[in-house]
Amino acid sequence: MKNFKNNVEFDYKGLPQILEPSTNDYKKTYEKYKKTAKEYNIDLFICDVLANEACIDAANNLKKPVVGWTSFLQFMDPVPYKDDPVYGCNTSLENESFFERFRCALIQPLQVASKLGPFAHQLNDIRKQMNIEPSGKIPKVSLSLVDTFFGFELPQHLAPNVQEVGPVLPEEYPPITPELSNFMNAHERVLYIAFTSRDNFYPTLNLTDGTQVQTLSILNNKHPHIHITNFAPQFAVLNHTNTKLFFSHGGAGSAHESLYTGTPMLVLPLGGDQMGNAQKLKTAGVALTLSVYNLNVNDILNKMSKLLEDEKIKKNLKRMEVLTKINSKRKYRAADLIEYILHSSGLEEYINDDYLKEWAPAASRMGFIKANNLDVYGALLGIVLTLIGGIVFKLFKLISNPSSIRIKSKKA
């Protein structure tokens, strides 16, 4: 459809739209956080780690513990065998070719750095002017809480100060309105579509084949089999018996609620975490994906049919539903960890580098070379090369001076 062309995928090239205002407002935002913390005697900061350096820096400057919150595990504990489509690579590099892994490990980071590097330099210059110590690639936080879970997230080893605590879902949700309830009860098979507000819909749709579709009757809920609402209690809708399929952009909240209710998803990601979530859902065998650049009606209908009829997808949905419900209880562990941080910080007037040392792996303090015993292996390699060199040197001397061999043989 022609009207859909305004939607484009949001990858790392679009991140400057987020980083530019946060960088320009850093000083003002930092001072607000610092003033508020002092005024209300704040004991703990909980900061979203995406483009929120002012919050984290204010906590560290005031020597207060800070909990980092995100749904991007790669932000807090990057590993070489995982990536994210927002950076131009797949979530898992396990089955990628050598050339693709080469691109993702060496070439793509340079392209990302060329796009985002200027903002990092600008931010560090502002920090330097304010006598604030520049942060490293990974935000300096006391504890990282990640809204994800095994089964959905690709597994990896995590340090104690990086905890998967998702899916974080509320205990209570708004109920279905009577009007919506009547509509859903009257339809045995409901497709729930949640994208953007109805303001983005047009009274006339121009299709690629030249035909037009009038939508005013649909937008005004005059169609007997279509219901449009400005707000839908999503969890209640997904949890309804008659909801058979969820068509979504694939945000973290939508993905988690869909998995919790065992609802298959057709995902049309546009950017941010949506593209990575779409890949993870597809890998888990509970969703199929579409591309905004290649929308085809027959492809959409075929994928909808597969999601509704495929027995393997149904089994995967039941498996993931159990995993999601089990992991949804980990939010209480997150609360316990935050309580522990508050208790520990209350024992000291100010926190220092030894604060919560029992959580941080020794590798974070030893450095890459020492933590991986590269110096030990280097010394061993040097000894081996020295011995080999000595032996080769002796052999070379004997070969280059054959007369000494002949003299010895005559004496013998």
Protein backbone atom coordinates (compact mmCIF):
# COMPACT_ATOMS: atom_id res chain seq x y z
CA MET A 1 0.00 0.00 0.00
CA LYS A 2 1.34 3.43 -0.93
CA ASN A 3 0.41 5.04 2.37
CA PHE A 4 2.66 2.61 4.21
CA LYS A 5 5.87 3.87 2.61
CA ASN A 6 6.42 6.47 5.33
CA ASN A 7 7.35 3.72 7.80
CA VAL A 8 11.05 2.83 7.71
CA GLU A 9 13.06 0.50 9.89
CA PHE A 10 14.86 2.19 12.75
CA ASP A 11 18.40 0.78 13.15
CA TYR A 12 21.66 2.25 14.47
CA LYS A 13 21.51 4.93 11.76
CA GLY A 14 18.45 6.32 13.51
CA LEU A 15 19.99 6.31 17.00
CA PRO A 16 21.31 9.89 16.58
CA GLN A 17 17.65 10.98 16.83
CA ILE A 18 17.75 9.72 20.42
CA LEU A 19 21.36 10.54 21.27
CA GLU A 20 21.39 14.12 19.98
CA PRO A 21 18.73 15.55 22.34
CA SER A 22 19.99 13.53 25.32
CA THR A 23 23.55 14.74 24.68
CA ASN A 24 22.51 18.36 24.22
CA ASP A 25 20.43 18.24 27.42
CA TYR A 26 23.02 16.28 29.41
CA LYS A 27 24.22 19.14 31.62
CA LYS A 28 20.71 20.37 32.44
CA THR A 29 19.43 16.83 33.08
CA TYR A 30 22.47 15.93 35.20
CA GLU A 31 22.00 18.98 37.41
CA LYS A 32 18.30 18.15 37.86
CA TYR A 33 19.08 14.60 38.96
CA LYS A 34 21.81 15.79 41.31
CA LYS A 35 19.68 18.55 42.84
CA THR A 36 16.70 16.22 43.34
CA ALA A 37 18.89 13.52 44.91
CA LYS A 38 20.32 15.98 47.43
CA GLU A 39 16.99 17.64 48.17
CA TYR A 40 15.17 14.38 48.88
CA ASN A 41 18.17 12.50 50.27
CA ILE A 42 17.98 9.77 47.62
CA ASP A 43 19.67 6.50 48.64
CA LEU A 44 19.39 4.59 45.37
CA PHE A 45 19.12 5.39 41.67
CA ILE A 46 17.27 3.17 39.19
CA CYS A 47 18.19 4.29 35.67
CA ASP A 48 17.19 3.11 32.23
CA VAL A 49 20.55 2.62 30.52
CA LEU A 50 19.51 3.75 27.03
CA ALA A 51 20.62 7.33 26.38
CA ASN A 52 20.39 8.10 30.10
CA GLU A 53 24.02 8.82 31.01
CA ALA A 54 23.02 11.81 33.14
CA CYS A 55 21.15 9.58 35.61
CA ILE A 56 24.00 7.06 35.93
CA ASP A 57 26.68 9.77 36.18
CA ALA A 58 24.74 11.66 38.85
CA ALA A 59 24.52 8.50 40.97
CA ASN A 60 28.21 7.71 40.58
CA ASN A 61 29.22 11.31 41.29
CA LEU A 62 27.18 11.31 44.49
CA LYS A 63 28.61 7.86 45.32
CA LYS A 64 25.17 6.32 45.45
CA PRO A 65 24.34 2.80 44.23
CA VAL A 66 22.68 2.65 40.84
CA VAL A 67 20.56 -0.11 39.30
CA GLY A 68 20.59 -0.21 35.51
CA TRP A 69 17.39 -1.28 33.75
CA THR A 70 17.08 -2.47 30.15
CA SER A 71 15.61 -5.12 27.89
CA PHE A 72 18.85 -5.23 25.82
CA LEU A 73 21.15 -7.81 27.41
CA GLN A 74 23.88 -6.92 24.88
CA PHE A 75 24.05 -3.42 26.38
CA MET A 76 25.13 -4.71 29.77
CA ASP A 77 27.01 -7.94 29.03
CA PRO A 78 28.07 -8.17 25.36
CA VAL A 79 29.41 -11.50 24.09
CA PRO A 80 31.06 -12.15 20.71
CA TYR A 81 28.60 -14.82 19.56
CA LYS A 82 25.53 -12.56 19.90
CA ASP A 83 24.52 -9.32 18.22
CA ASP A 84 21.37 -7.38 17.40
CA PRO A 85 19.67 -6.36 14.14
CA VAL A 86 19.65 -2.76 15.34
CA TYR A 87 23.42 -2.89 14.72
CA GLY A 88 23.04 -4.66 11.38
CA CYS A 89 23.65 -8.28 12.45
CA ASN A 90 21.50 -11.20 13.57
CA THR A 91 20.84 -11.93 17.24
CA SER A 92 22.79 -15.19 17.04
CA LEU A 93 26.06 -15.67 15.12
CA GLU A 94 26.20 -19.39 15.93
CA ASN A 95 25.32 -20.56 12.41
CA GLU A 96 26.65 -17.61 10.44
CA SER A 97 29.41 -17.99 7.86
CA PHE A 98 32.99 -16.91 8.52
CA PHE A 99 32.55 -13.84 6.33
CA GLU A 100 29.37 -12.78 8.14
CA ARG A 101 31.04 -13.20 11.53
CA PHE A 102 34.04 -11.26 10.20
CA ARG A 103 31.73 -8.45 9.11
CA CYS A 104 29.85 -8.37 12.41
CA ALA A 105 32.99 -8.59 14.56
CA LEU A 106 35.18 -6.08 12.72
CA ILE A 107 33.49 -4.11 9.95
CA GLN A 108 30.03 -3.41 11.40
CA PRO A 109 31.35 -2.03 14.74
CA LEU A 110 33.43 0.49 12.76
CA GLN A 111 30.36 1.61 10.83
CA VAL A 112 28.37 1.93 14.06
CA ALA A 113 31.23 3.84 15.71
CA SER A 114 31.46 6.25 12.77
CA LYS A 115 27.78 7.04 13.21
CA LEU A 116 27.62 7.20 17.01
CA GLY A 117 31.21 8.14 17.87
CA PRO A 118 30.74 11.91 17.51
CA PHE A 119 28.03 11.87 20.18
CA ALA A 120 30.26 9.88 22.55
CA HIS A 121 33.11 12.37 22.05
CA GLN A 122 30.75 15.32 22.52
CA LEU A 123 29.37 13.78 25.71
CA ASN A 124 32.84 13.12 27.12
CA ASP A 125 33.85 16.71 26.35
CA ILE A 126 30.85 17.95 28.34
CA ARG A 127 31.77 15.59 31.17
CA LYS A 128 35.34 16.88 31.14
CA GLN A 129 34.11 20.47 31.44
CA MET A 130 31.96 19.42 34.42
CA ASN A 131 34.80 17.39 36.04
CA ILE A 132 32.85 14.16 35.61
CA GLU A 133 34.80 10.99 34.93
CA PRO A 134 33.99 9.60 31.44
CA SER A 135 32.15 6.30 31.40
CA GLY A 136 33.30 3.22 29.54
CA LYS A 137 31.49 1.34 26.81
CA ILE A 138 29.32 -0.44 29.40
CA PRO A 139 27.43 1.79 31.86
CA LYS A 140 28.93 1.79 35.37
CA VAL A 141 26.13 0.42 37.54
CA SER A 142 25.99 -1.55 40.79
CA LEU A 143 23.47 -4.02 39.39
CA SER A 144 22.02 -4.64 35.94
CA LEU A 145 18.43 -5.86 35.77
CA VAL A 146 17.46 -7.10 32.32
CA ASP A 147 13.83 -7.56 31.34
CA THR A 148 14.33 -10.84 29.47
CA PHE A 149 14.50 -14.55 30.25
CA PHE A 150 15.94 -17.85 29.08
CA GLY A 151 13.89 -19.48 26.36
CA PHE A 152 13.26 -16.08 24.81
CA GLU A 153 16.79 -14.71 25.16
CA LEU A 154 19.70 -16.65 23.67
CA PRO A 155 21.53 -18.24 26.63
CA GLN A 156 24.89 -16.96 27.87
CA HIS A 157 26.93 -16.97 31.08
CA LEU A 158 26.12 -13.99 33.31
CA ALA A 159 27.95 -12.42 36.22
CA PRO A 160 26.07 -12.14 39.55
CA ASN A 161 25.70 -8.37 39.05
CA VAL A 162 23.85 -8.92 35.75
CA GLN A 163 20.47 -10.54 36.34
CA GLU A 164 17.74 -11.62 33.93
CA VAL A 165 14.53 -10.81 35.81
CA GLY A 166 11.94 -10.80 33.03
CA PRO A 167 9.33 -10.92 31.97
CA VAL A 168 8.27 -8.17 34.36
CA LEU A 169 4.48 -8.16 34.12
CA PRO A 170 1.95 -6.41 36.39
CA GLU A 171 -0.11 -8.42 38.85
CA GLU A 172 -3.33 -6.78 37.64
CA TYR A 173 -4.50 -5.58 34.24
CA PRO A 174 -7.43 -3.43 33.08
CA PRO A 175 -10.44 -5.59 32.19
CA ILE A 176 -12.04 -5.74 28.76
CA THR A 177 -14.68 -3.07 28.25
CA PRO A 178 -18.28 -4.28 27.80
CA GLU A 179 -18.34 -3.11 24.16
CA LEU A 180 -15.14 -4.96 23.32
CA SER A 181 -16.23 -8.00 25.31
CA ASN A 182 -19.48 -8.24 23.33
CA PHE A 183 -17.55 -8.05 20.05
CA MET A 184 -15.02 -10.74 21.06
CA ASN A 185 -17.65 -13.08 22.48
CA ALA A 186 -19.52 -12.88 19.18
CA HIS A 187 -16.44 -13.98 17.17
CA GLU A 188 -14.82 -17.39 17.75
CA ARG A 189 -11.58 -16.50 15.95
CA VAL A 190 -10.21 -13.03 16.72
CA LEU A 191 -7.10 -11.47 15.15
CA TYR A 192 -5.78 -8.78 17.49
CA ILE A 193 -3.79 -6.04 15.70
CA ALA A 194 -1.90 -3.46 17.76
CA PHE A 195 0.27 -0.96 15.92
CA THR A 196 -0.16 2.79 16.28
CA SER A 197 -3.08 5.14 16.93
CA ARG A 198 -6.00 5.40 14.53
CA ASP A 199 -4.77 8.90 13.57
CA ASN A 200 -2.34 7.14 11.20
CA PHE A 201 -5.17 5.58 9.21
CA TYR A 202 -6.55 7.21 6.10
CA PRO A 203 -10.17 7.43 4.87
CA THR A 204 -8.94 6.16 1.50
CA LEU A 205 -6.23 3.59 0.90
CA ASN A 206 -4.49 3.59 -2.46
CA LEU A 207 -3.39 0.06 -3.32
CA THR A 208 -0.45 -0.77 -5.55
CA ASP A 209 -2.76 -2.19 -8.25
CA GLY A 210 -4.45 1.21 -8.61
CA THR A 211 -7.65 0.39 -6.73
CA GLN A 212 -8.93 2.31 -3.73
CA VAL A 213 -10.47 1.12 -0.49
CA GLN A 214 -12.77 3.40 1.51
CA THR A 215 -12.16 2.94 5.23
CA LEU A 216 -14.47 5.45 6.95
CA SER A 217 -17.06 2.78 7.78
CA ILE A 218 -14.32 0.60 9.29
CA LEU A 219 -12.78 3.47 11.28
CA ASN A 220 -16.22 4.35 12.65
CA ASN A 221 -16.83 0.71 13.71
CA LYS A 222 -19.64 0.18 11.20
CA HIS A 223 -18.13 -3.09 9.96
CA PRO A 224 -19.66 -6.13 11.72
CA HIS A 225 -16.37 -8.04 11.93
CA ILE A 226 -13.87 -5.26 12.66
CA HIS A 227 -13.63 -3.29 15.90
CA ILE A 228 -11.25 -0.34 16.34
CA THR A 229 -10.53 1.29 19.68
CA ASN A 230 -8.18 4.05 20.84
CA PHE A 231 -7.10 1.91 23.78
CA ALA A 232 -7.24 -1.85 24.24
CA PRO A 233 -6.48 -3.67 27.51
CA GLN A 234 -3.92 -5.77 25.68
CA PHE A 235 -3.27 -8.50 28.21
CA ALA A 236 -6.99 -9.07 28.73
CA VAL A 237 -7.52 -9.22 24.97
CA LEU A 238 -4.66 -11.70 24.49
CA ASN A 239 -5.90 -13.78 27.42
CA HIS A 240 -9.41 -14.04 25.94
CA THR A 241 -10.31 -17.53 24.72
CA ASN A 242 -11.30 -16.30 21.27
CA THR A 243 -8.04 -14.45 20.54
CA LYS A 244 -6.17 -16.76 18.18
CA LEU A 245 -3.45 -14.52 16.68
CA PHE A 246 -1.56 -11.33 17.55
CA PHE A 247 -0.30 -8.99 14.78
CA SER A 248 2.24 -6.59 16.29
CA HIS A 249 5.46 -4.63 15.83
CA GLY A 250 7.02 -6.92 18.45
CA GLY A 251 7.98 -4.66 21.35
CA ALA A 252 9.26 -6.36 24.51
CA GLY A 253 6.01 -5.88 26.44
CA SER A 254 3.87 -7.23 23.62
CA ALA A 255 6.20 -10.20 23.10
CA HIS A 256 6.17 -11.10 26.80
CA GLU A 257 2.38 -10.82 27.12
CA SER A 258 1.88 -12.89 23.98
CA LEU A 259 4.18 -15.62 25.30
CA TYR A 260 2.52 -15.56 28.72
CA THR A 261 -0.92 -16.12 27.16
CA GLY A 262 0.32 -18.61 24.56
CA THR A 263 -0.77 -16.47 21.61
CA PRO A 264 1.11 -16.88 18.29
CA MET A 265 2.49 -13.68 16.76
CA LEU A 266 2.85 -12.25 13.29
CA VAL A 267 5.52 -9.60 13.72
CA LEU A 268 6.18 -6.54 11.57
CA PRO A 269 9.23 -4.94 13.25
CA LEU A 270 10.10 -1.32 12.54
CA GLY A 271 13.15 -0.72 14.72
CA GLY A 272 14.72 -0.57 18.16
CA ASP A 273 14.32 -3.83 20.07
CA GLN A 274 11.50 -4.96 17.76
CA MET A 275 13.81 -6.47 15.12
CA GLY A 276 15.75 -8.48 17.70
CA ASN A 277 12.55 -9.58 19.42
CA ALA A 278 11.14 -10.72 16.07
CA GLN A 279 14.18 -12.93 15.47
CA LYS A 280 14.03 -14.38 18.98
CA LEU A 281 10.32 -15.17 18.68
CA LYS A 282 10.87 -16.80 15.30
CA THR A 283 13.80 -18.83 16.69
CA ALA A 284 11.59 -19.98 19.57
CA GLY A 285 9.12 -21.25 16.95
CA VAL A 286 6.15 -19.15 18.11
CA ALA A 287 6.08 -16.37 15.51
CA LEU A 288 6.63 -15.51 11.88
CA THR A 289 7.94 -12.18 10.62
CA LEU A 290 7.27 -9.68 7.86
CA SER A 291 9.42 -6.97 6.32
CA VAL A 292 8.14 -3.43 5.91
CA TYR A 293 9.99 -3.30 2.59
CA ASN A 294 8.33 -6.38 1.14
CA LEU A 295 4.68 -6.57 2.17
CA ASN A 296 2.55 -8.99 0.20
CA VAL A 297 -1.07 -9.87 0.97
CA ASN A 298 -0.72 -13.52 0.00
CA ASP A 299 2.43 -13.85 2.12
CA ILE A 300 0.59 -12.37 5.11
CA LEU A 301 -2.38 -14.73 4.67
CA ASN A 302 -0.14 -17.78 4.24
CA LYS A 303 1.82 -16.97 7.40
CA MET A 304 -1.37 -16.36 9.35
CA SER A 305 -2.66 -19.78 8.26
CA LYS A 306 0.58 -21.47 9.29
CA LEU A 307 0.57 -19.81 12.71
CA LEU A 308 -2.97 -21.01 13.31
CA GLU A 309 -2.62 -24.56 11.98
CA ASP A 310 0.98 -25.72 12.43
CA GLU A 311 1.15 -28.35 15.21
CA LYS A 312 4.82 -27.66 15.95
CA ILE A 313 4.05 -24.00 16.56
CA LYS A 314 1.25 -25.01 18.94
CA LYS A 315 3.66 -27.21 20.93
CA ASN A 316 6.25 -24.44 21.04
CA LEU A 317 3.61 -22.02 22.33
CA LYS A 318 2.73 -24.33 25.21
CA ARG A 319 6.42 -24.77 26.07
CA MET A 320 7.11 -21.04 25.98
CA GLU A 321 3.95 -20.26 27.96
CA VAL A 322 5.22 -22.43 30.82
CA LEU A 323 8.70 -20.87 30.67
CA THR A 324 7.25 -17.36 30.63
CA LYS A 325 5.04 -17.99 33.65
CA ILE A 326 7.91 -19.54 35.60
CA ASN A 327 10.25 -16.66 34.82
CA SER A 328 7.62 -14.01 35.54
CA LYS A 329 8.17 -14.72 39.24
CA ARG A 330 11.76 -13.46 39.08
CA LYS A 331 10.63 -9.86 39.54
CA TYR A 332 10.46 -10.68 43.24
CA ARG A 333 14.13 -11.67 43.13
CA ALA A 334 14.83 -8.30 41.52
CA ALA A 335 13.07 -6.60 44.42
CA ASP A 336 15.11 -8.65 46.92
CA LEU A 337 18.36 -7.66 45.19
CA ILE A 338 17.40 -3.99 45.30
CA GLU A 339 16.65 -4.37 49.03
CA TYR A 340 20.10 -5.93 49.50
CA ILE A 341 21.74 -3.01 47.72
CA LEU A 342 19.93 -0.54 49.95
CA HIS A 343 20.91 -2.51 53.04
CA SER A 344 24.56 -2.70 51.98
CA SER A 345 24.76 0.97 51.06
CA GLY A 346 23.26 1.87 54.44
CA LEU A 347 26.30 0.35 56.16
CA GLU A 348 28.62 2.86 54.48
CA GLU A 349 28.43 6.64 54.23
CA TYR A 350 29.65 6.52 50.62
CA ILE A 351 30.17 3.63 48.25
CA ASN A 352 33.57 2.97 46.69
CA ASP A 353 35.19 0.51 44.29
CA ASP A 354 34.90 -2.27 46.87
CA TYR A 355 31.12 -1.83 47.16
CA LEU A 356 29.34 -5.09 46.27
CA LYS A 357 32.70 -6.63 45.42
CA GLU A 358 31.19 -10.03 46.17
CA TRP A 359 29.00 -9.65 43.09
CA ALA A 360 31.56 -8.50 40.56
CA PRO A 361 33.64 -11.20 38.82
CA ALA A 362 37.38 -10.97 39.42
CA ALA A 363 37.86 -10.63 35.66
CA SER A 364 36.36 -7.13 35.78
CA ARG A 365 39.21 -6.03 38.07
CA MET A 366 42.07 -8.09 36.62
CA GLY A 367 41.92 -6.83 33.07
CA PHE A 368 41.57 -8.88 29.88
CA ILE A 369 45.16 -10.20 29.70
CA LYS A 370 45.47 -11.27 33.33
CA ALA A 371 41.91 -12.60 33.61
CA ASN A 372 42.43 -14.91 30.63
CA ASN A 373 45.99 -15.93 31.68
CA LEU A 374 47.32 -14.55 28.43
CA ASP A 375 50.49 -13.43 30.22
CA VAL A 376 51.02 -16.98 31.51
CA TYR A 377 50.43 -18.50 28.08
CA GLY A 378 52.67 -15.84 26.55
CA ALA A 379 55.49 -16.75 28.95
CA LEU A 380 55.02 -20.44 28.18
CA LEU A 381 55.11 -19.70 24.46
CA GLY A 382 58.32 -17.71 24.98
CA ILE A 383 59.95 -20.61 26.84
CA VAL A 384 58.93 -23.10 24.16
CA LEU A 385 60.17 -20.83 21.36
CA THR A 386 63.46 -20.31 23.22
CA LEU A 387 64.00 -24.07 23.58
CA ILE A 388 63.12 -24.66 19.96
CA GLY A 389 65.41 -21.81 18.93
CA GLY A 390 68.27 -23.27 20.98
CA ILE A 391 67.85 -26.69 19.44
CA VAL A 392 67.66 -25.24 15.92
CA PHE A 393 70.76 -23.13 16.60
CA LYS A 394 72.75 -26.17 17.77
CA LEU A 395 71.68 -28.17 14.74
CA PHE A 396 72.58 -25.30 12.44
CA LYS A 397 76.08 -25.07 13.96
CA LEU A 398 76.65 -28.78 13.53
CA ILE A 399 75.44 -28.74 9.95
CA SER A 400 77.43 -25.62 9.04
CA ASN A 401 80.69 -27.08 10.52
CA PRO A 402 80.93 -30.68 9.19
CA SER A 403 84.74 -30.85 9.72
CA SER A 404 84.29 -31.19 13.47
CA ILE A 405 82.07 -34.20 12.83
CA ARG A 406 84.73 -35.83 10.57
CA ILE A 407 87.54 -35.22 13.12
CA LYS A 408 85.56 -36.85 15.85
CA SER A 409 84.78 -39.79 13.62
CA LYS A 410 88.54 -40.29 12.77
CA LYS A 411 89.49 -40.27 16.43
CA ALA A 412 86.84 -42.81 17.07
